[in-house]
PDB file of N, CA and C in Angstrom:
ATOM      1  N   UNK A   1      11.843 -75.749  23.283  1.00  0.00           N
ATOM      2  CA  UNK A   1      10.739 -76.783  22.398  1.00  0.00           C
ATOM      3  C   UNK A   1      10.271 -76.658  21.326  1.00  0.00           C
ATOM      4  N   UNK A   2      10.758 -77.388  20.643  1.00  0.00           N
ATOM      5  CA  UNK A   2       9.943 -77.335  19.033  1.00  0.00           C
ATOM      6  C   UNK A   2       8.669 -77.425  19.169  1.00  0.00           C
ATOM      7  N   UNK A   3       7.954 -76.563  18.092  1.00  0.00           N
ATOM      8  CA  UNK A   3       6.666 -76.865  17.559  1.00  0.00           C
ATOM      9  C   UNK A   3       6.259 -76.998  16.331  1.00  0.00           C
ATOM     10  N   UNK A   4       7.659 -77.319  15.545  1.00  0.00           N
ATOM     11  CA  UNK A   4       7.450 -77.899  14.271  1.00  0.00           C
ATOM     12  C   UNK A   4       6.597 -79.436  14.256  1.00  0.00           C
ATOM     13  N   UNK A   5       6.029 -79.881  13.314  1.00  0.00           N
ATOM     14  CA  UNK A   5       5.324 -81.149  13.266  1.00  0.00           C
ATOM     15  C   UNK A   5       5.567 -82.201  12.313  1.00  0.00           C
ATOM     16  N   UNK A   6       6.235 -83.138  12.275  1.00  0.00           N
ATOM     17  CA  UNK A   6       6.530 -84.078  11.717  1.00  0.00           C
ATOM     18  C   UNK A   6       5.595 -84.431  10.613  1.00  0.00           C
ATOM     19  N   UNK A   7       5.863 -84.737   9.348  1.00  0.00           N
ATOM     20  CA  UNK A   7       4.434 -85.416   8.703  1.00  0.00           C
ATOM     21  C   UNK A   7       5.155 -86.778   8.634  1.00  0.00           C
ATOM     22  N   UNK A   8       3.908 -87.652   8.810  1.00  0.00           N
ATOM     23  CA  UNK A   8       4.437 -88.966   8.469  1.00  0.00           C
ATOM     24  C   UNK A   8       4.804 -89.619   7.180  1.00  0.00           C
ATOM     25  N   UNK A   9       5.779 -90.360   6.947  1.00  0.00           N
ATOM     26  CA  UNK A   9       5.779 -91.293   5.611  1.00  0.00           C
ATOM     27  C   UNK A   9       4.388 -91.669   4.920  1.00  0.00           C
ATOM     28  N   UNK A  10       4.031 -91.556   3.800  1.00  0.00           N
ATOM     29  CA  UNK A  10       2.626 -92.246   3.071  1.00  0.00           C
ATOM     30  C   UNK A  10       2.573 -93.116   3.654  1.00  0.00           C
ATOM     31  N   UNK A  11       3.526 -94.459   3.940  1.00  0.00           N
ATOM     32  CA  UNK A  11       3.067 -95.825   4.278  1.00  0.00           C
ATOM     33  C   UNK A  11       2.372 -95.727   5.280  1.00  0.00           C
ATOM     34  N   UNK A  12       2.996 -94.853   6.512  1.00  0.00           N
ATOM     35  CA  UNK A  12       2.265 -94.772   7.702  1.00  0.00           C
ATOM     36  C   UNK A  12       0.860 -94.085   7.639  1.00  0.00           C
ATOM     37  N   UNK A  13       0.876 -93.142   7.101  1.00  0.00           N
ATOM     38  CA  UNK A  13      -0.341 -92.138   6.814  1.00  0.00           C
ATOM     39  C   UNK A  13      -1.326 -92.764   6.170  1.00  0.00           C
ATOM     40  N   UNK A  14      -1.224 -93.485   4.902  1.00  0.00           N
ATOM     41  CA  UNK A  14      -2.405 -94.455   4.392  1.00  0.00           C
ATOM     42  C   UNK A  14      -2.769 -92.902   3.703  1.00  0.00           C
ATOM     43  N   UNK A  15      -3.862 -93.465   2.782  1.00  0.00           N
ATOM     44  CA  UNK A  15      -4.700 -92.398   2.015  1.00  0.00           C
ATOM     45  C   UNK A  15      -5.771 -91.570   2.891  1.00  0.00           C
ATOM     46  N   UNK A  16      -6.117 -90.403   2.242  1.00  0.00           N
ATOM     47  CA  UNK A  16      -6.627 -89.209   3.066  1.00  0.00           C
ATOM     48  C   UNK A  16      -7.995 -89.646   3.339  1.00  0.00           C
ATOM     49  N   UNK A  17      -8.666 -90.734   2.285  1.00  0.00           N
ATOM     50  CA  UNK A  17     -10.072 -90.500   2.432  1.00  0.00           C
ATOM     51  C   UNK A  17     -10.242 -92.088   3.434  1.00  0.00           C
ATOM     52  N   UNK A  18      -8.934 -92.502   3.805  1.00  0.00           N
ATOM     53  CA  UNK A  18      -9.352 -93.874   4.685  1.00  0.00           C
ATOM     54  C   UNK A  18      -8.816 -93.363   6.311  1.00  0.00           C
ATOM     55  N   UNK A  19      -9.748 -92.886   6.758  1.00  0.00           N
ATOM     56  CA  UNK A  19      -9.577 -92.919   8.294  1.00  0.00           C
ATOM     57  C   UNK A  19      -8.891 -93.688   8.948  1.00  0.00           C
ATOM     58  N   UNK A  20      -8.960 -95.398   8.901  1.00  0.00           N
ATOM     59  CA  UNK A  20      -8.616 -96.053   9.450  1.00  0.00           C
ATOM     60  C   UNK A  20      -6.854 -96.340   9.555  1.00  0.00           C
ATOM     61  N   UNK A  21      -6.778 -95.621   8.254  1.00  0.00           N
ATOM     62  CA  UNK A  21      -5.286 -95.752   7.945  1.00  0.00           C
ATOM     63  C   UNK A  21      -4.502 -94.095   8.097  1.00  0.00           C
ATOM     64  N   UNK A  22      -5.117 -93.405   8.040  1.00  0.00           N
ATOM     65  CA  UNK A  22      -4.864 -91.762   7.949  1.00  0.00           C
ATOM     66  C   UNK A  22      -4.154 -91.632   9.442  1.00  0.00           C
ATOM     67  N   UNK A  23      -4.741 -92.276  10.621  1.00  0.00           N
ATOM     68  CA  UNK A  23      -3.912 -92.161  11.774  1.00  0.00           C
ATOM     69  C   UNK A  23      -3.166 -93.438  12.247  1.00  0.00           C
ATOM     70  N   UNK A  24      -1.917 -93.036  12.326  1.00  0.00           N
ATOM     71  CA  UNK A  24      -0.984 -94.269  12.936  1.00  0.00           C
ATOM     72  C   UNK A  24      -1.467 -94.809  14.026  1.00  0.00           C
ATOM     73  N   UNK A  25      -2.341 -93.968  15.213  1.00  0.00           N
ATOM     74  CA  UNK A  25      -2.249 -94.861  16.226  1.00  0.00           C
ATOM     75  C   UNK A  25      -3.612 -95.882  16.032  1.00  0.00           C
ATOM     76  N   UNK A  26      -4.077 -96.054  14.954  1.00  0.00           N
ATOM     77  CA  UNK A  26      -5.191 -97.044  14.501  1.00  0.00           C
ATOM     78  C   UNK A  26      -4.616 -97.961  13.971  1.00  0.00           C
ATOM     79  N   UNK A  27      -3.447 -98.035  13.656  1.00  0.00           N
ATOM     80  CA  UNK A  27      -2.750 -99.063  12.684  1.00  0.00           C
ATOM     81  C   UNK A  27      -1.893-100.082  13.455  1.00  0.00           C
ATOM     82  N   UNK A  28      -1.777-101.336  13.238  1.00  0.00           N
ATOM     83  CA  UNK A  28      -0.842-102.835  13.909  1.00  0.00           C
ATOM     84  C   UNK A  28       0.521-101.615  14.367  1.00  0.00           C
ATOM     85  N   UNK A  29       0.813-101.880  15.237  1.00  0.00           N
ATOM     86  CA  UNK A  29       2.240-101.405  15.494  1.00  0.00           C
ATOM     87  C   UNK A  29       3.467-101.861  14.715  1.00  0.00           C
ATOM     88  N   UNK A  30       3.200-103.066  14.379  1.00  0.00           N
ATOM     89  CA  UNK A  30       4.547-103.656  13.441  1.00  0.00           C
ATOM     90  C   UNK A  30       4.420-103.214  12.099  1.00  0.00           C
ATOM     91  N   UNK A  31       3.106-103.057  11.685  1.00  0.00           N
ATOM     92  CA  UNK A  31       3.148-102.329  10.334  1.00  0.00           C
ATOM     93  C   UNK A  31       3.579-100.688  10.418  1.00  0.00           C
ATOM     94  N   UNK A  32       3.541 -99.717  11.621  1.00  0.00           N
ATOM     95  CA  UNK A  32       3.705 -98.332  11.614  1.00  0.00           C
ATOM     96  C   UNK A  32       5.284 -98.629  11.704  1.00  0.00           C
ATOM     97  N   UNK A  33       5.688 -99.536  12.704  1.00  0.00           N
ATOM     98  CA  UNK A  33       7.344 -99.395  13.009  1.00  0.00           C
ATOM     99  C   UNK A  33       8.241 -99.843  11.675  1.00  0.00           C
ATOM    100  N   UNK A  34       7.294-100.925  10.985  1.00  0.00           N
ATOM    101  CA  UNK A  34       8.207-101.262   9.518  1.00  0.00           C
ATOM    102  C   UNK A  34       8.116 -99.867   8.725  1.00  0.00           C
ATOM    103  N   UNK A  35       7.003 -99.374   8.494  1.00  0.00           N
ATOM    104  CA  UNK A  35       6.826 -97.960   7.500  1.00  0.00           C
ATOM    105  C   UNK A  35       7.816 -96.756   7.971  1.00  0.00           C
ATOM    106  N   UNK A  36       8.227 -97.107   9.281  1.00  0.00           N
ATOM    107  CA  UNK A  36       9.276 -96.037   9.814  1.00  0.00           C
ATOM    108  C   UNK A  36      10.640 -96.345   9.861  1.00  0.00           C
ATOM    109  N   UNK A  37      11.028 -97.652   9.307  1.00  0.00           N
ATOM    110  CA  UNK A  37      12.488 -98.492   9.246  1.00  0.00           C
ATOM    111  C   UNK A  37      12.845 -98.534  11.143  1.00  0.00           C
ATOM    112  N   UNK A  38      11.714 -98.677  11.983  1.00  0.00           N
ATOM    113  CA  UNK A  38      11.985 -98.975  13.207  1.00  0.00           C
ATOM    114  C   UNK A  38      11.844-100.467  13.414  1.00  0.00           C
ATOM    115  N   UNK A  39      12.955-101.111  14.462  1.00  0.00           N
ATOM    116  CA  UNK A  39      12.666-102.293  14.776  1.00  0.00           C
ATOM    117  C   UNK A  39      12.279-102.344  16.570  1.00  0.00           C
ATOM    118  N   UNK A  40      10.784-102.845  16.627  1.00  0.00           N
ATOM    119  CA  UNK A  40      10.353-102.941  17.698  1.00  0.00           C
ATOM    120  C   UNK A  40      11.026-103.944  19.003  1.00  0.00           C
ATOM    121  N   UNK A  41      11.781-104.951  18.266  1.00  0.00           N
ATOM    122  CA  UNK A  41      12.441-105.485  19.627  1.00  0.00           C
ATOM    123  C   UNK A  41      13.758-104.650  20.095  1.00  0.00           C
ATOM    124  N   UNK A  42      14.258-104.238  19.333  1.00  0.00           N
ATOM    125  CA  UNK A  42      15.721-103.389  19.502  1.00  0.00           C
ATOM    126  C   UNK A  42      15.563-101.922  19.439  1.00  0.00           C
ATOM    127  N   UNK A  43      14.318-101.644  18.826  1.00  0.00           N
ATOM    128  CA  UNK A  43      14.766 -99.931  18.961  1.00  0.00           C
ATOM    129  C   UNK A  43      15.334 -99.273  18.009  1.00  0.00           C
ATOM    130  N   UNK A  44      15.735 -98.142  17.909  1.00  0.00           N
ATOM    131  CA  UNK A  44      16.701 -97.507  16.914  1.00  0.00           C
ATOM    132  C   UNK A  44      18.087 -97.471  17.162  1.00  0.00           C
ATOM    133  N   UNK A  45      18.902 -97.429  16.390  1.00  0.00           N
ATOM    134  CA  UNK A  45      20.624 -97.327  16.643  1.00  0.00           C
ATOM    135  C   UNK A  45      20.635 -95.832  17.239  1.00  0.00           C
ATOM    136  N   UNK A  46      21.851 -95.587  18.370  1.00  0.00           N
ATOM    137  CA  UNK A  46      21.958 -94.509  18.314  1.00  0.00           C
ATOM    138  C   UNK A  46      22.197 -93.388  17.336  1.00  0.00           C
ATOM    139  N   UNK A  47      22.916 -93.834  16.046  1.00  0.00           N
ATOM    140  CA  UNK A  47      23.295 -92.851  15.213  1.00  0.00           C
ATOM    141  C   UNK A  47      21.548 -92.757  14.082  1.00  0.00           C
ATOM    142  N   UNK A  48      20.745 -93.541  14.047  1.00  0.00           N
ATOM    143  CA  UNK A  48      19.236 -93.349  13.874  1.00  0.00           C
ATOM    144  C   UNK A  48      18.586 -92.296  14.276  1.00  0.00           C
ATOM    145  N   UNK A  49      18.483 -92.778  15.965  1.00  0.00           N
ATOM    146  CA  UNK A  49      17.865 -91.923  16.549  1.00  0.00           C
ATOM    147  C   UNK A  49      18.328 -90.369  16.581  1.00  0.00           C
ATOM    148  N   UNK A  50      19.629 -90.137  16.347  1.00  0.00           N
ATOM    149  CA  UNK A  50      20.395 -88.868  16.770  1.00  0.00           C
ATOM    150  C   UNK A  50      20.201 -88.260  15.420  1.00  0.00           C
ATOM    151  N   UNK A  51      20.192 -88.943  14.077  1.00  0.00           N
ATOM    152  CA  UNK A  51      19.667 -87.884  12.824  1.00  0.00           C
ATOM    153  C   UNK A  51      18.172 -88.184  12.979  1.00  0.00           C
ATOM    154  N   UNK A  52      17.278 -88.616  13.573  1.00  0.00           N
ATOM    155  CA  UNK A  52      15.838 -88.375  13.434  1.00  0.00           C
ATOM    156  C   UNK A  52      15.710 -87.096  14.596  1.00  0.00           C
ATOM    157  N   UNK A  53      16.436 -87.114  15.649  1.00  0.00           N
ATOM    158  CA  UNK A  53      16.530 -85.829  16.520  1.00  0.00           C
ATOM    159  C   UNK A  53      16.691 -84.437  15.785  1.00  0.00           C
ATOM    160  N   UNK A  54      17.834 -84.815  15.007  1.00  0.00           N
ATOM    161  CA  UNK A  54      18.413 -83.361  14.194  1.00  0.00           C
ATOM    162  C   UNK A  54      17.062 -83.062  13.109  1.00  0.00           C
ATOM    163  N   UNK A  55      16.940 -84.145  12.334  1.00  0.00           N
ATOM    164  CA  UNK A  55      15.875 -83.731  11.524  1.00  0.00           C
ATOM    165  C   UNK A  55      14.359 -83.236  12.118  1.00  0.00           C
ATOM    166  N   UNK A  56      13.958 -84.233  13.124  1.00  0.00           N
ATOM    167  CA  UNK A  56      12.524 -83.713  13.483  1.00  0.00           C
ATOM    168  C   UNK A  56      12.482 -83.184  14.829  1.00  0.00           C
ATOM    169  N   UNK A  57      13.432 -83.187  15.458  1.00  0.00           N
ATOM    170  CA  UNK A  57      13.442 -82.178  16.773  1.00  0.00           C
ATOM    171  C   UNK A  57      13.116 -83.449  17.609  1.00  0.00           C
ATOM    172  N   UNK A  58      13.042 -82.939  19.088  1.00  0.00           N
ATOM    173  CA  UNK A  58      12.558 -84.042  19.839  1.00  0.00           C
ATOM    174  C   UNK A  58      11.157 -84.533  19.868  1.00  0.00           C
ATOM    175  N   UNK A  59      10.828 -85.831  20.414  1.00  0.00           N
ATOM    176  CA  UNK A  59       9.351 -86.524  20.519  1.00  0.00           C
ATOM    177  C   UNK A  59       8.946 -86.518  21.520  1.00  0.00           C
ATOM    178  N   UNK A  60       8.064 -84.802  21.440  1.00  0.00           N
ATOM    179  CA  UNK A  60       7.435 -84.638  22.617  1.00  0.00           C
ATOM    180  C   UNK A  60       6.110 -83.814  21.851  1.00  0.00           C
ATOM    181  N   UNK A  61       5.135 -83.869  22.934  1.00  0.00           N
ATOM    182  CA  UNK A  61       3.756 -83.671  22.836  1.00  0.00           C
ATOM    183  C   UNK A  61       3.818 -81.929  22.827  1.00  0.00           C
ATOM    184  N   UNK A  62       3.001 -81.488  21.890  1.00  0.00           N
ATOM    185  CA  UNK A  62       2.725 -79.792  22.161  1.00  0.00           C
ATOM    186  C   UNK A  62       1.873 -79.710  23.157  1.00  0.00           C
ATOM    187  N   UNK A  63       2.240 -78.525  24.063  1.00  0.00           N
ATOM    188  CA  UNK A  63       1.365 -78.291  24.703  1.00  0.00           C
ATOM    189  C   UNK A  63       0.095 -77.643  24.570  1.00  0.00           C
ATOM    190  N   UNK A  64      -1.056 -77.897  25.131  1.00  0.00           N
ATOM    191  CA  UNK A  64      -2.563 -77.250  24.913  1.00  0.00           C
ATOM    192  C   UNK A  64      -2.152 -75.946  25.570  1.00  0.00           C
ATOM    193  N   UNK A  65      -2.715 -74.651  24.255  1.00  0.00           N
ATOM    194  CA  UNK A  65      -2.609 -73.376  24.455  1.00  0.00           C
ATOM    195  C   UNK A  65      -3.831 -72.925  25.523  1.00  0.00           C
ATOM    196  N   UNK A  66      -3.408 -72.283  26.728  1.00  0.00           N
ATOM    197  CA  UNK A  66      -4.368 -71.727  27.408  1.00  0.00           C
ATOM    198  C   UNK A  66      -5.471 -70.881  26.924  1.00  0.00           C
ATOM    199  N   UNK A  67      -6.670 -70.968  27.658  1.00  0.00           N
ATOM    200  CA  UNK A  67      -7.820 -70.398  27.276  1.00  0.00           C
ATOM    201  C   UNK A  67      -7.570 -68.825  27.111  1.00  0.00           C
ATOM    202  N   UNK A  68      -8.322 -68.240  26.357  1.00  0.00           N
ATOM    203  CA  UNK A  68      -7.787 -66.364  26.516  1.00  0.00           C
ATOM    204  C   UNK A  68      -8.497 -66.077  27.546  1.00  0.00           C
ATOM    205  N   UNK A  69      -7.600 -64.955  27.559  1.00  0.00           N
ATOM    206  CA  UNK A  69      -8.168 -64.171  28.999  1.00  0.00           C
ATOM    207  C   UNK A  69      -9.335 -63.795  28.845  1.00  0.00           C
ATOM    208  N   UNK A  70     -10.122 -64.195  30.084  1.00  0.00           N
ATOM    209  CA  UNK A  70     -11.721 -63.613  30.299  1.00  0.00           C
ATOM    210  C   UNK A  70     -12.833 -64.593  30.050  1.00  0.00           C
ATOM    211  N   UNK A  71     -11.970 -65.923  29.411  1.00  0.00           N
ATOM    212  CA  UNK A  71     -12.888 -66.710  28.829  1.00  0.00           C
ATOM    213  C   UNK A  71     -13.882 -67.713  29.808  1.00  0.00           C
ATOM    214  N   UNK A  72     -12.702 -67.751  30.893  1.00  0.00           N
ATOM    215  CA  UNK A  72     -13.531 -68.313  32.058  1.00  0.00           C
ATOM    216  C   UNK A  72     -14.552 -67.637  32.581  1.00  0.00           C
ATOM    217  N   UNK A  73     -14.505 -66.346  32.570  1.00  0.00           N
ATOM    218  CA  UNK A  73     -15.567 -65.383  33.588  1.00  0.00           C
ATOM    219  C   UNK A  73     -16.818 -65.543  32.749  1.00  0.00           C
ATOM    220  N   UNK A  74     -17.109 -65.704  31.446  1.00  0.00           N
ATOM    221  CA  UNK A  74     -18.244 -66.147  30.564  1.00  0.00           C
ATOM    222  C   UNK A  74     -18.934 -67.518  31.174  1.00  0.00           C
ATOM    223  N   UNK A  75     -17.957 -68.518  31.231  1.00  0.00           N
ATOM    224  CA  UNK A  75     -18.705 -69.440  31.617  1.00  0.00           C
ATOM    225  C   UNK A  75     -18.896 -69.586  32.907  1.00  0.00           C
ATOM    226  N   UNK A  76     -18.336 -68.690  34.054  1.00  0.00           N
ATOM    227  CA  UNK A  76     -18.834 -68.986  35.277  1.00  0.00           C
ATOM    228  C   UNK A  76     -19.725 -67.653  35.580  1.00  0.00           C
ATOM    229  N   UNK A  77     -20.307 -67.021  34.642  1.00  0.00           N
ATOM    230  CA  UNK A  77     -21.249 -65.985  35.066  1.00  0.00           C
ATOM    231  C   UNK A  77     -22.624 -65.943  33.995  1.00  0.00           C
ATOM    232  N   UNK A  78     -22.595 -67.346  33.634  1.00  0.00           N
ATOM    233  CA  UNK A  78     -23.632 -67.631  32.994  1.00  0.00           C
ATOM    234  C   UNK A  78     -24.987 -67.645  33.615  1.00  0.00           C
ATOM    235  N   UNK A  79     -26.107 -67.605  33.235  1.00  0.00           N
ATOM    236  CA  UNK A  79     -27.470 -67.665  34.204  1.00  0.00           C
ATOM    237  C   UNK A  79     -27.514 -69.277  33.510  1.00  0.00           C
ATOM    238  N   UNK A  80     -27.886 -70.202  34.841  1.00  0.00           N
ATOM    239  CA  UNK A  80     -28.149 -71.750  33.930  1.00  0.00           C
ATOM    240  C   UNK A  80     -30.079 -71.818  33.839  1.00  0.00           C
TER     241      UNK A  80
END
């Protein structure tokens, strides 16, 4: 599993001070697809998908790291 994180192009990321345009999940799908040179109707060609896989690694979410050892003991032993 790859832990490298791809940086979205500036056209997708927007400006750092503009929260609405910084997070691609808050933008219109067509705008993001266009900025990434993707076709919403047909998807990527096999060649482009292979190129992106080689350049950026697999499209997968990172696992959340487990809590440190002993951290659960503190939560369960606190006096309420």
